[in-house]
PDB file of N, CA and C in Angstrom:
ATOM      1  N   MET A   1       0.844  -1.175   0.000  1.00  0.00           N
ATOM      2  CA  MET A   1       0.000   0.000   0.000  1.00  0.00           C
ATOM      3  C   MET A   1       0.893   1.242   0.000  1.00  0.00           C
ATOM      4  N   ALA A   2       0.455   2.277  -0.685  1.00  0.00           N
ATOM      5  CA  ALA A   2       1.212   3.523  -0.755  1.00  0.00           C
ATOM      6  C   ALA A   2       0.363   4.668  -0.211  1.00  0.00           C
ATOM      7  N   ASP A   3       1.031   5.686   0.325  1.00  0.00           N
ATOM      8  CA  ASP A   3       0.294   6.855   0.789  1.00  0.00           C
ATOM      9  C   ASP A   3       0.114   7.832  -0.374  1.00  0.00           C
ATOM     10  N   ARG A   4      -0.415   9.013  -0.090  1.00  0.00           N
ATOM     11  CA  ARG A   4      -0.675   9.995  -1.144  1.00  0.00           C
ATOM     12  C   ARG A   4       0.579  10.447  -1.883  1.00  0.00           C
ATOM     13  N   ASN A   5       1.720  10.425  -1.220  1.00  0.00           N
ATOM     14  CA  ASN A   5       2.970  10.882  -1.821  1.00  0.00           C
ATOM     15  C   ASN A   5       3.702   9.784  -2.577  1.00  0.00           C
ATOM     16  N   GLY A   6       3.131   8.594  -2.650  1.00  0.00           N
ATOM     17  CA  GLY A   6       3.753   7.497  -3.370  1.00  0.00           C
ATOM     18  C   GLY A   6       4.692   6.665  -2.513  1.00  0.00           C
ATOM     19  N   PHE A   7       4.787   6.980  -1.232  1.00  0.00           N
ATOM     20  CA  PHE A   7       5.646   6.221  -0.334  1.00  0.00           C
ATOM     21  C   PHE A   7       5.065   4.831  -0.145  1.00  0.00           C
ATOM     22  N   VAL A   8       5.887   3.815  -0.368  1.00  0.00           N
ATOM     23  CA  VAL A   8       5.437   2.436  -0.221  1.00  0.00           C
ATOM     24  C   VAL A   8       5.745   1.980   1.193  1.00  0.00           C
ATOM     25  N   PHE A   9       4.739   1.490   1.903  1.00  0.00           N
ATOM     26  CA  PHE A   9       4.942   1.026   3.260  1.00  0.00           C
ATOM     27  C   PHE A   9       5.836  -0.195   3.272  1.00  0.00           C
ATOM     28  N   HIS A  10       6.818  -0.182   4.145  1.00  0.00           N
ATOM     29  CA  HIS A  10       7.814  -1.251   4.220  1.00  0.00           C
ATOM     30  C   HIS A  10       7.167  -2.616   4.457  1.00  0.00           C
ATOM     31  N   SER A  11       6.130  -2.652   5.237  1.00  0.00           N
ATOM     32  CA  SER A  11       5.493  -3.934   5.562  1.00  0.00           C
ATOM     33  C   SER A  11       4.785  -4.558   4.362  1.00  0.00           C
ATOM     34  N   LYS A  12       4.446  -3.774   3.359  1.00  0.00           N
ATOM     35  CA  LYS A  12       3.750  -4.285   2.173  1.00  0.00           C
ATOM     36  C   LYS A  12       4.717  -4.703   1.062  1.00  0.00           C
ATOM     37  N   MET A  13       6.004  -4.477   1.258  1.00  0.00           N
ATOM     38  CA  MET A  13       6.986  -4.830   0.234  1.00  0.00           C
ATOM     39  C   MET A  13       7.367  -6.300   0.340  1.00  0.00           C
ATOM     40  N   THR A  14       7.603  -6.896  -0.807  1.00  0.00           N
ATOM     41  CA  THR A  14       8.111  -8.266  -0.813  1.00  0.00           C
ATOM     42  C   THR A  14       9.597  -8.222  -0.453  1.00  0.00           C
ATOM     43  N   SER A  15      10.153  -9.348  -0.115  1.00  0.00           N
ATOM     44  CA  SER A  15      11.582  -9.390   0.213  1.00  0.00           C
ATOM     45  C   SER A  15      12.411  -9.005  -1.014  1.00  0.00           C
ATOM     46  N   ARG A  16      11.942  -9.395  -2.200  1.00  0.00           N
ATOM     47  CA  ARG A  16      12.647  -9.034  -3.442  1.00  0.00           C
ATOM     48  C   ARG A  16      12.669  -7.520  -3.630  1.00  0.00           C
ATOM     49  N   GLU A  17      11.543  -6.865  -3.374  1.00  0.00           N
ATOM     50  CA  GLU A  17      11.471  -5.405  -3.469  1.00  0.00           C
ATOM     51  C   GLU A  17      12.443  -4.744  -2.503  1.00  0.00           C
ATOM     52  N   ARG A  18      12.417  -5.202  -1.251  1.00  0.00           N
ATOM     53  CA  ARG A  18      13.307  -4.629  -0.237  1.00  0.00           C
ATOM     54  C   ARG A  18      14.768  -4.791  -0.639  1.00  0.00           C
ATOM     55  N   LYS A  19      15.112  -5.962  -1.164  1.00  0.00           N
ATOM     56  CA  LYS A  19      16.492  -6.220  -1.571  1.00  0.00           C
ATOM     57  C   LYS A  19      16.897  -5.299  -2.728  1.00  0.00           C
ATOM     58  N   LEU A  20      16.030  -5.172  -3.728  1.00  0.00           N
ATOM     59  CA  LEU A  20      16.330  -4.312  -4.876  1.00  0.00           C
ATOM     60  C   LEU A  20      16.481  -2.856  -4.460  1.00  0.00           C
ATOM     61  N   ARG A  21      15.559  -2.393  -3.622  1.00  0.00           N
ATOM     62  CA  ARG A  21      15.614  -1.001  -3.166  1.00  0.00           C
ATOM     63  C   ARG A  21      16.862  -0.748  -2.330  1.00  0.00           C
ATOM     64  N   SER A  22      17.257  -1.722  -1.537  1.00  0.00           N
ATOM     65  CA  SER A  22      18.460  -1.586  -0.721  1.00  0.00           C
ATOM     66  C   SER A  22      19.703  -1.500  -1.610  1.00  0.00           C
ATOM     67  N   ARG A  23      19.800  -2.385  -2.604  1.00  0.00           N
ATOM     68  CA  ARG A  23      20.941  -2.360  -3.515  1.00  0.00           C
ATOM     69  C   ARG A  23      20.996  -1.054  -4.301  1.00  0.00           C
ATOM     70  N   LEU A  24      19.838  -0.584  -4.743  1.00  0.00           N
ATOM     71  CA  LEU A  24      19.760   0.676  -5.471  1.00  0.00           C
ATOM     72  C   LEU A  24      20.235   1.832  -4.596  1.00  0.00           C
ATOM     73  N   ASN A  25      19.776   1.844  -3.366  1.00  0.00           N
ATOM     74  CA  ASN A  25      20.161   2.890  -2.427  1.00  0.00           C
ATOM     75  C   ASN A  25      21.668   2.875  -2.175  1.00  0.00           C
ATOM     76  N   GLN A  26      22.253   1.705  -2.038  1.00  0.00           N
ATOM     77  CA  GLN A  26      23.697   1.591  -1.819  1.00  0.00           C
ATOM     78  C   GLN A  26      24.484   2.165  -2.989  1.00  0.00           C
ATOM     79  N   ILE A  27      24.054   1.848  -4.200  1.00  0.00           N
ATOM     80  CA  ILE A  27      24.758   2.351  -5.387  1.00  0.00           C
ATOM     81  C   ILE A  27      24.659   3.866  -5.457  1.00  0.00           C
ATOM     82  N   ILE A  28      23.453   4.395  -5.264  1.00  0.00           N
ATOM     83  CA  ILE A  28      23.244   5.833  -5.380  1.00  0.00           C
ATOM     84  C   ILE A  28      24.026   6.598  -4.318  1.00  0.00           C
ATOM     85  N   ARG A  29      24.062   6.086  -3.103  1.00  0.00           N
ATOM     86  CA  ARG A  29      24.729   6.795  -2.012  1.00  0.00           C
ATOM     87  C   ARG A  29      26.245   6.699  -2.031  1.00  0.00           C
ATOM     88  N   SER A  30      26.777   5.589  -2.511  1.00  0.00           N
ATOM     89  CA  SER A  30      28.206   5.382  -2.291  1.00  0.00           C
ATOM     90  C   SER A  30      29.068   5.290  -3.548  1.00  0.00           C
ATOM     91  N   GLN A  31      28.474   5.281  -4.717  1.00  0.00           N
ATOM     92  CA  GLN A  31      29.287   5.072  -5.910  1.00  0.00           C
ATOM     93  C   GLN A  31      29.000   6.128  -6.967  1.00  0.00           C
ATOM     94  N   ALA A  32      30.066   6.604  -7.581  1.00  0.00           N
ATOM     95  CA  ALA A  32      29.917   7.544  -8.688  1.00  0.00           C
ATOM     96  C   ALA A  32      29.366   6.796  -9.892  1.00  0.00           C
ATOM     97  N   MET A  33      28.603   7.496 -10.711  1.00  0.00           N
ATOM     98  CA  MET A  33      28.060   6.864 -11.906  1.00  0.00           C
ATOM     99  C   MET A  33      27.933   7.898 -13.007  1.00  0.00           C
ATOM    100  N   ILE A  34      27.951   7.396 -14.228  1.00  0.00           N
ATOM    101  CA  ILE A  34      27.824   8.293 -15.369  1.00  0.00           C
ATOM    102  C   ILE A  34      27.079   7.553 -16.483  1.00  0.00           C
ATOM    103  N   ARG A  35      26.160   8.265 -17.136  1.00  0.00           N
ATOM    104  CA  ARG A  35      25.409   7.682 -18.241  1.00  0.00           C
ATOM    105  C   ARG A  35      26.195   7.926 -19.523  1.00  0.00           C
ATOM    106  N   GLY A  36      26.476   6.870 -20.216  1.00  0.00           N
ATOM    107  CA  GLY A  36      27.216   7.003 -21.462  1.00  0.00           C
ATOM    108  C   GLY A  36      27.693   5.653 -21.941  1.00  0.00           C
ATOM    109  N   THR A  37      28.310   5.662 -23.095  1.00  0.00           N
ATOM    110  CA  THR A  37      28.850   4.456 -23.700  1.00  0.00           C
ATOM    111  C   THR A  37      30.324   4.682 -23.977  1.00  0.00           C
ATOM    112  N   LEU A  38      31.120   3.660 -23.674  1.00  0.00           N
ATOM    113  CA  LEU A  38      32.546   3.769 -23.948  1.00  0.00           C
ATOM    114  C   LEU A  38      32.824   3.294 -25.367  1.00  0.00           C
ATOM    115  N   LEU A  39      33.658   4.042 -26.043  1.00  0.00           N
ATOM    116  CA  LEU A  39      33.971   3.768 -27.436  1.00  0.00           C
ATOM    117  C   LEU A  39      35.488   3.760 -27.596  1.00  0.00           C
ATOM    118  N   TYR A  40      36.013   2.674 -28.138  1.00  0.00           N
ATOM    119  CA  TYR A  40      37.445   2.573 -28.405  1.00  0.00           C
ATOM    120  C   TYR A  40      37.694   3.114 -29.805  1.00  0.00           C
ATOM    121  N   ARG A  41      38.650   4.026 -29.920  1.00  0.00           N
ATOM    122  CA  ARG A  41      38.974   4.619 -31.220  1.00  0.00           C
ATOM    123  C   ARG A  41      40.467   4.595 -31.440  1.00  0.00           C
ATOM    124  N   GLU A  42      40.856   4.715 -32.663  1.00  0.00           N
ATOM    125  CA  GLU A  42      42.258   4.897 -33.017  1.00  0.00           C
ATOM    126  C   GLU A  42      42.342   6.217 -33.760  1.00  0.00           C
ATOM    127  N   ARG A  43      43.361   7.002 -33.413  1.00  0.00           N
ATOM    128  CA  ARG A  43      43.447   8.324 -34.029  1.00  0.00           C
ATOM    129  C   ARG A  43      44.885   8.695 -34.345  1.00  0.00           C
ATOM    130  N   SER A  44      45.020   9.694 -35.172  1.00  0.00           N
ATOM    131  CA  SER A  44      46.335  10.214 -35.552  1.00  0.00           C
ATOM    132  C   SER A  44      46.583  11.504 -34.791  1.00  0.00           C
ATOM    133  N   CYS A  45      47.854  11.722 -34.436  1.00  0.00           N
ATOM    134  CA  CYS A  45      48.183  12.935 -33.684  1.00  0.00           C
ATOM    135  C   CYS A  45      48.526  14.099 -34.607  1.00  0.00           C
ATOM    136  N   GLY A  46      48.883  13.790 -35.851  1.00  0.00           N
ATOM    137  CA  GLY A  46      49.170  14.852 -36.806  1.00  0.00           C
ATOM    138  C   GLY A  46      50.652  15.134 -37.010  1.00  0.00           C
ATOM    139  N   ARG A  47      51.523  14.566 -36.181  1.00  0.00           N
ATOM    140  CA  ARG A  47      52.966  14.789 -36.366  1.00  0.00           C
ATOM    141  C   ARG A  47      53.451  13.934 -37.545  1.00  0.00           C
ATOM    142  N   ALA A  48      54.195  14.519 -38.418  1.00  0.00           N
ATOM    143  CA  ALA A  48      54.642  13.849 -39.642  1.00  0.00           C
ATOM    144  C   ALA A  48      55.575  12.673 -39.368  1.00  0.00           C
ATOM    145  N   ASN A  49      56.408  12.755 -38.333  1.00  0.00           N
ATOM    146  CA  ASN A  49      57.373  11.691 -38.072  1.00  0.00           C
ATOM    147  C   ASN A  49      56.891  10.676 -37.030  1.00  0.00           C
ATOM    148  N   CYS A  50      55.637  10.704 -36.681  1.00  0.00           N
ATOM    149  CA  CYS A  50      55.078   9.782 -35.686  1.00  0.00           C
ATOM    150  C   CYS A  50      54.680   8.470 -36.365  1.00  0.00           C
ATOM    151  N   ARG A  51      54.626   7.404 -35.584  1.00  0.00           N
ATOM    152  CA  ARG A  51      54.244   6.088 -36.112  1.00  0.00           C
ATOM    153  C   ARG A  51      52.821   6.095 -36.673  1.00  0.00           C
ATOM    154  N   CYS A  52      51.966   7.006 -36.178  1.00  0.00           N
ATOM    155  CA  CYS A  52      50.584   7.039 -36.677  1.00  0.00           C
ATOM    156  C   CYS A  52      50.514   7.517 -38.126  1.00  0.00           C
ATOM    157  N   ALA A  53      51.549   8.226 -38.579  1.00  0.00           N
ATOM    158  CA  ALA A  53      51.590   8.664 -39.979  1.00  0.00           C
ATOM    159  C   ALA A  53      51.794   7.474 -40.913  1.00  0.00           C
ATOM    160  N   GLN A  54      52.371   6.374 -40.396  1.00  0.00           N
ATOM    161  CA  GLN A  54      52.568   5.163 -41.195  1.00  0.00           C
ATOM    162  C   GLN A  54      51.437   4.149 -40.968  1.00  0.00           C
ATOM    163  N   GLY A  55      50.397   4.517 -40.249  1.00  0.00           N
ATOM    164  CA  GLY A  55      49.247   3.640 -40.087  1.00  0.00           C
ATOM    165  C   GLY A  55      49.065   3.038 -38.702  1.00  0.00           C
ATOM    166  N   GLN A  56      50.060   3.126 -37.815  1.00  0.00           N
ATOM    167  CA  GLN A  56      49.922   2.616 -36.445  1.00  0.00           C
ATOM    168  C   GLN A  56      49.332   3.712 -35.572  1.00  0.00           C
ATOM    169  N   LYS A  57      48.032   3.813 -35.590  1.00  0.00           N
ATOM    170  CA  LYS A  57      47.362   4.908 -34.894  1.00  0.00           C
ATOM    171  C   LYS A  57      47.370   4.726 -33.380  1.00  0.00           C
ATOM    172  N   HIS A  58      47.146   5.826 -32.695  1.00  0.00           N
ATOM    173  CA  HIS A  58      47.132   5.834 -31.234  1.00  0.00           C
ATOM    174  C   HIS A  58      45.772   5.370 -30.706  1.00  0.00           C
ATOM    175  N   PRO A  59      45.756   4.418 -29.759  1.00  0.00           N
ATOM    176  CA  PRO A  59      44.469   3.989 -29.184  1.00  0.00           C
ATOM    177  C   PRO A  59      43.926   5.082 -28.257  1.00  0.00           C
ATOM    178  N   ALA A  60      42.616   5.222 -28.248  1.00  0.00           N
ATOM    179  CA  ALA A  60      41.973   6.221 -27.390  1.00  0.00           C
ATOM    180  C   ALA A  60      40.613   5.698 -26.939  1.00  0.00           C
ATOM    181  N   LEU A  61      40.262   6.031 -25.723  1.00  0.00           N
ATOM    182  CA  LEU A  61      38.955   5.667 -25.194  1.00  0.00           C
ATOM    183  C   LEU A  61      38.135   6.939 -25.072  1.00  0.00           C
ATOM    184  N   CYS A  62      36.911   6.907 -25.576  1.00  0.00           N
ATOM    185  CA  CYS A  62      36.020   8.063 -25.505  1.00  0.00           C
ATOM    186  C   CYS A  62      34.731   7.654 -24.801  1.00  0.00           C
ATOM    187  N   LEU A  63      34.153   8.587 -24.090  1.00  0.00           N
ATOM    188  CA  LEU A  63      32.834   8.407 -23.497  1.00  0.00           C
ATOM    189  C   LEU A  63      31.852   9.139 -24.394  1.00  0.00           C
ATOM    190  N   VAL A  64      30.849   8.422 -24.885  1.00  0.00           N
ATOM    191  CA  VAL A  64      29.838   9.027 -25.744  1.00  0.00           C
ATOM    192  C   VAL A  64      28.615   9.300 -24.880  1.00  0.00           C
ATOM    193  N   VAL A  65      28.198  10.567 -24.829  1.00  0.00           N
ATOM    194  CA  VAL A  65      27.036  10.957 -24.039  1.00  0.00           C
ATOM    195  C   VAL A  65      26.083  11.764 -24.915  1.00  0.00           C
ATOM    196  N   SER A  66      24.802  11.701 -24.568  1.00  0.00           N
ATOM    197  CA  SER A  66      23.790  12.493 -25.269  1.00  0.00           C
ATOM    198  C   SER A  66      23.371  13.649 -24.372  1.00  0.00           C
ATOM    199  N   GLU A  67      23.423  14.837 -24.919  1.00  0.00           N
ATOM    200  CA  GLU A  67      22.971  16.036 -24.215  1.00  0.00           C
ATOM    201  C   GLU A  67      22.159  16.874 -25.187  1.00  0.00           C
ATOM    202  N   ASN A  68      20.985  17.256 -24.775  1.00  0.00           N
ATOM    203  CA  ASN A  68      20.117  18.091 -25.609  1.00  0.00           C
ATOM    204  C   ASN A  68      19.948  17.511 -27.012  1.00  0.00           C
ATOM    205  N   ALA A  69      19.698  16.211 -27.065  1.00  0.00           N
ATOM    206  CA  ALA A  69      19.452  15.480 -28.316  1.00  0.00           C
ATOM    207  C   ALA A  69      20.663  15.475 -29.252  1.00  0.00           C
ATOM    208  N   ARG A  70      21.845  15.728 -28.711  1.00  0.00           N
ATOM    209  CA  ARG A  70      23.071  15.681 -29.510  1.00  0.00           C
ATOM    210  C   ARG A  70      24.076  14.783 -28.802  1.00  0.00           C
ATOM    211  N   GLN A  71      24.847  14.051 -29.590  1.00  0.00           N
ATOM    212  CA  GLN A  71      25.866  13.190 -29.004  1.00  0.00           C
ATOM    213  C   GLN A  71      27.203  13.916 -28.940  1.00  0.00           C
ATOM    214  N   ARG A  72      27.900  13.678 -27.827  1.00  0.00           N
ATOM    215  CA  ARG A  72      29.242  14.228 -27.636  1.00  0.00           C
ATOM    216  C   ARG A  72      30.188  13.081 -27.341  1.00  0.00           C
ATOM    217  N   GLN A  73      31.416  13.223 -27.784  1.00  0.00           N
ATOM    218  CA  GLN A  73      32.455  12.266 -27.442  1.00  0.00           C
ATOM    219  C   GLN A  73      33.476  12.995 -26.575  1.00  0.00           C
ATOM    220  N   ILE A  74      33.743  12.414 -25.428  1.00  0.00           N
ATOM    221  CA  ILE A  74      34.688  13.013 -24.493  1.00  0.00           C
ATOM    222  C   ILE A  74      35.865  12.062 -24.339  1.00  0.00           C
ATOM    223  N   PHE A  75      37.049  12.551 -24.617  1.00  0.00           N
ATOM    224  CA  PHE A  75      38.250  11.744 -24.493  1.00  0.00           C
ATOM    225  C   PHE A  75      38.474  11.382 -23.026  1.00  0.00           C
ATOM    226  N   VAL A  76      38.788  10.115 -22.768  1.00  0.00           N
ATOM    227  CA  VAL A  76      39.067   9.644 -21.411  1.00  0.00           C
ATOM    228  C   VAL A  76      40.572   9.415 -21.304  1.00  0.00           C
ATOM    229  N   PRO A  77      41.256  10.209 -20.472  1.00  0.00           N
ATOM    230  CA  PRO A  77      42.699  10.012 -20.324  1.00  0.00           C
ATOM    231  C   PRO A  77      43.020   8.627 -19.777  1.00  0.00           C
ATOM    232  N   LYS A  78      44.180   8.124 -20.127  1.00  0.00           N
ATOM    233  CA  LYS A  78      44.604   6.779 -19.737  1.00  0.00           C
ATOM    234  C   LYS A  78      44.496   6.569 -18.220  1.00  0.00           C
ATOM    235  N   PHE A  79      44.900   7.552 -17.431  1.00  0.00           N
ATOM    236  CA  PHE A  79      44.896   7.385 -15.977  1.00  0.00           C
ATOM    237  C   PHE A  79      43.484   7.333 -15.380  1.00  0.00           C
ATOM    238  N   LEU A  80      42.465   7.705 -16.154  1.00  0.00           N
ATOM    239  CA  LEU A  80      41.076   7.668 -15.669  1.00  0.00           C
ATOM    240  C   LEU A  80      40.256   6.520 -16.260  1.00  0.00           C
ATOM    241  N   GLU A  81      40.832   5.727 -17.150  1.00  0.00           N
ATOM    242  CA  GLU A  81      40.070   4.681 -17.834  1.00  0.00           C
ATOM    243  C   GLU A  81      39.375   3.722 -16.876  1.00  0.00           C
ATOM    244  N   THR A  82      40.098   3.200 -15.909  1.00  0.00           N
ATOM    245  CA  THR A  82      39.517   2.242 -14.965  1.00  0.00           C
ATOM    246  C   THR A  82      38.367   2.865 -14.194  1.00  0.00           C
ATOM    247  N   GLU A  83      38.573   4.090 -13.737  1.00  0.00           N
ATOM    248  CA  GLU A  83      37.543   4.770 -12.956  1.00  0.00           C
ATOM    249  C   GLU A  83      36.297   5.055 -13.792  1.00  0.00           C
ATOM    250  N   VAL A  84      36.471   5.542 -14.998  1.00  0.00           N
ATOM    251  CA  VAL A  84      35.328   5.849 -15.870  1.00  0.00           C
ATOM    252  C   VAL A  84      34.582   4.574 -16.247  1.00  0.00           C
ATOM    253  N   ARG A  85      35.309   3.479 -16.473  1.00  0.00           N
ATOM    254  CA  ARG A  85      34.649   2.196 -16.748  1.00  0.00           C
ATOM    255  C   ARG A  85      33.764   1.785 -15.570  1.00  0.00           C
ATOM    256  N   LEU A  86      34.244   1.997 -14.347  1.00  0.00           N
ATOM    257  CA  LEU A  86      33.444   1.693 -13.153  1.00  0.00           C
ATOM    258  C   LEU A  86      32.212   2.584 -13.069  1.00  0.00           C
ATOM    259  N   TRP A  87      32.365   3.867 -13.363  1.00  0.00           N
ATOM    260  CA  TRP A  87      31.222   4.787 -13.324  1.00  0.00           C
ATOM    261  C   TRP A  87      30.133   4.346 -14.286  1.00  0.00           C
ATOM    262  N   VAL A  88      30.529   3.958 -15.503  1.00  0.00           N
ATOM    263  CA  VAL A  88      29.561   3.490 -16.498  1.00  0.00           C
ATOM    264  C   VAL A  88      28.903   2.193 -16.021  1.00  0.00           C
ATOM    265  N   ALA A  89      29.686   1.291 -15.451  1.00  0.00           N
ATOM    266  CA  ALA A  89      29.139   0.026 -14.939  1.00  0.00           C
ATOM    267  C   ALA A  89      28.165   0.270 -13.794  1.00  0.00           C
ATOM    268  N   HIS A  90      28.472   1.217 -12.911  1.00  0.00           N
ATOM    269  CA  HIS A  90      27.572   1.537 -11.805  1.00  0.00           C
ATOM    270  C   HIS A  90      26.250   2.087 -12.328  1.00  0.00           C
ATOM    271  N   TYR A  91      26.314   2.934 -13.352  1.00  0.00           N
ATOM    272  CA  TYR A  91      25.087   3.471 -13.937  1.00  0.00           C
ATOM    273  C   TYR A  91      24.245   2.339 -14.529  1.00  0.00           C
ATOM    274  N   GLN A  92      24.884   1.425 -15.250  1.00  0.00           N
ATOM    275  CA  GLN A  92      24.160   0.315 -15.854  1.00  0.00           C
ATOM    276  C   GLN A  92      23.514  -0.566 -14.789  1.00  0.00           C
ATOM    277  N   LYS A  93      24.235  -0.814 -13.703  1.00  0.00           N
ATOM    278  CA  LYS A  93      23.694  -1.616 -12.605  1.00  0.00           C
ATOM    279  C   LYS A  93      22.484  -0.916 -11.987  1.00  0.00           C
ATOM    280  N   MET A  94      22.602   0.398 -11.765  1.00  0.00           N
ATOM    281  CA  MET A  94      21.489   1.166 -11.202  1.00  0.00           C
ATOM    282  C   MET A  94      20.290   1.128 -12.142  1.00  0.00           C
ATOM    283  N   ARG A  95      20.530   1.268 -13.421  1.00  0.00           N
ATOM    284  CA  ARG A  95      19.448   1.262 -14.410  1.00  0.00           C
ATOM    285  C   ARG A  95      18.702  -0.073 -14.421  1.00  0.00           C
ATOM    286  N   LYS A  96      19.455  -1.182 -14.329  1.00  0.00           N
ATOM    287  CA  LYS A  96      18.830  -2.509 -14.301  1.00  0.00           C
ATOM    288  C   LYS A  96      17.962  -2.686 -13.058  1.00  0.00           C
ATOM    289  N   LEU A  97      18.436  -2.201 -11.924  1.00  0.00           N
ATOM    290  CA  LEU A  97      17.649  -2.295 -10.690  1.00  0.00           C
ATOM    291  C   LEU A  97      16.358  -1.492 -10.799  1.00  0.00           C
ATOM    292  N   VAL A  98      16.442  -0.292 -11.345  1.00  0.00           N
ATOM    293  CA  VAL A  98      15.250   0.545 -11.516  1.00  0.00           C
ATOM    294  C   VAL A  98      14.261  -0.137 -12.457  1.00  0.00           C
ATOM    295  N   GLU A  99      14.756  -0.734 -13.536  1.00  0.00           N
ATOM    296  CA  GLU A  99      13.882  -1.442 -14.473  1.00  0.00           C
ATOM    297  C   GLU A  99      13.186  -2.625 -13.798  1.00  0.00           C
ATOM    298  N   GLU A 100      13.925  -3.360 -12.980  1.00  0.00           N
ATOM    299  CA  GLU A 100      13.323  -4.506 -12.296  1.00  0.00           C
ATOM    300  C   GLU A 100      12.260  -4.055 -11.295  1.00  0.00           C
ATOM    301  N   LEU A 101      12.552  -2.993 -10.563  1.00  0.00           N
ATOM    302  CA  LEU A 101      11.546  -2.452  -9.637  1.00  0.00           C
ATOM    303  C   LEU A 101      10.308  -1.975 -10.387  1.00  0.00           C
ATOM    304  N   SER A 102      10.522  -1.341 -11.516  1.00  0.00           N
ATOM    305  CA  SER A 102       9.406  -0.866 -12.328  1.00  0.00           C
ATOM    306  C   SER A 102       8.518  -2.027 -12.777  1.00  0.00           C
ATOM    307  N   ARG A 103       9.140  -3.142 -13.175  1.00  0.00           N
ATOM    308  CA  ARG A 103       8.353  -4.317 -13.581  1.00  0.00           C
ATOM    309  C   ARG A 103       7.537  -4.861 -12.405  1.00  0.00           C
ATOM    310  N   ILE A 104       8.134  -4.863 -11.211  1.00  0.00           N
ATOM    311  CA  ILE A 104       7.417  -5.338 -10.025  1.00  0.00           C
ATOM    312  C   ILE A 104       6.185  -4.477  -9.775  1.00  0.00           C
ATOM    313  N   TYR A 105       6.354  -3.142  -9.832  1.00  0.00           N
ATOM    314  CA  TYR A 105       5.217  -2.257  -9.565  1.00  0.00           C
ATOM    315  C   TYR A 105       4.181  -2.302 -10.682  1.00  0.00           C
ATOM    316  N   LEU A 106       4.615  -2.539 -11.906  1.00  0.00           N
ATOM    317  CA  LEU A 106       3.664  -2.697 -13.005  1.00  0.00           C
ATOM    318  C   LEU A 106       2.795  -3.930 -12.775  1.00  0.00           C
ATOM    319  N   ARG A 107       3.440  -5.049 -12.375  1.00  0.00           N
ATOM    320  CA  ARG A 107       2.670  -6.268 -12.078  1.00  0.00           C
ATOM    321  C   ARG A 107       1.694  -6.039 -10.934  1.00  0.00           C
ATOM    322  N   LYS A 108       2.138  -5.310  -9.913  1.00  0.00           N
ATOM    323  CA  LYS A 108       1.252  -5.021  -8.777  1.00  0.00           C
ATOM    324  C   LYS A 108       0.050  -4.202  -9.227  1.00  0.00           C
ATOM    325  N   LEU A 109       0.298  -3.248 -10.097  1.00  0.00           N
ATOM    326  CA  LEU A 109      -0.791  -2.421 -10.604  1.00  0.00           C
ATOM    327  C   LEU A 109      -1.774  -3.256 -11.431  1.00  0.00           C
ATOM    328  N   GLU A 110      -1.235  -4.107 -12.289  1.00  0.00           N
ATOM    329  CA  GLU A 110      -2.075  -4.943 -13.136  1.00  0.00           C
ATOM    330  C   GLU A 110      -2.912  -5.932 -12.323  1.00  0.00           C
ATOM    331  N   THR A 111      -2.332  -6.489 -11.270  1.00  0.00           N
ATOM    332  CA  THR A 111      -3.031  -7.476 -10.474  1.00  0.00           C
ATOM    333  C   THR A 111      -3.743  -6.874  -9.256  1.00  0.00           C
ATOM    334  N   ARG A 112      -3.568  -5.561  -9.085  1.00  0.00           N
ATOM    335  CA  ARG A 112      -4.173  -4.825  -7.960  1.00  0.00           C
ATOM    336  C   ARG A 112      -3.670  -5.339  -6.606  1.00  0.00           C
ATOM    337  N   GLU A 113      -2.403  -5.752  -6.553  1.00  0.00           N
ATOM    338  CA  GLU A 113      -1.807  -6.269  -5.320  1.00  0.00           C
ATOM    339  C   GLU A 113      -0.973  -5.190  -4.640  1.00  0.00           C
ATOM    340  N   PHE A 114      -1.587  -4.104  -4.236  1.00  0.00           N
ATOM    341  CA  PHE A 114      -0.824  -3.063  -3.571  1.00  0.00           C
ATOM    342  C   PHE A 114      -1.451  -2.652  -2.315  1.00  0.00           C
TER     343      PHE A 114
END
């Protein structure tokens, strides 16, 4: 059962709901997250005597994000790659939890079990 503000009473939640909400809360409170997709690219630096001028391009990791209906690519420096990969993974984990909770509440609405 929920009150007027949408607050779900703890006693009416299933154990699965409580577990999902707890995991979601832990991620949101304690872990950085970022929405985006990581893209591996190879690029040239432009120096004439560099190995990339002969075809051995430099590897680069970019974060692709959408803002105002436009996509941006943001270069991720080598020293931040591990951290940015974790941020993206945390966002994906949070998104999956929200989707699962949404399915639970949709079923409750359909079956009138609230």
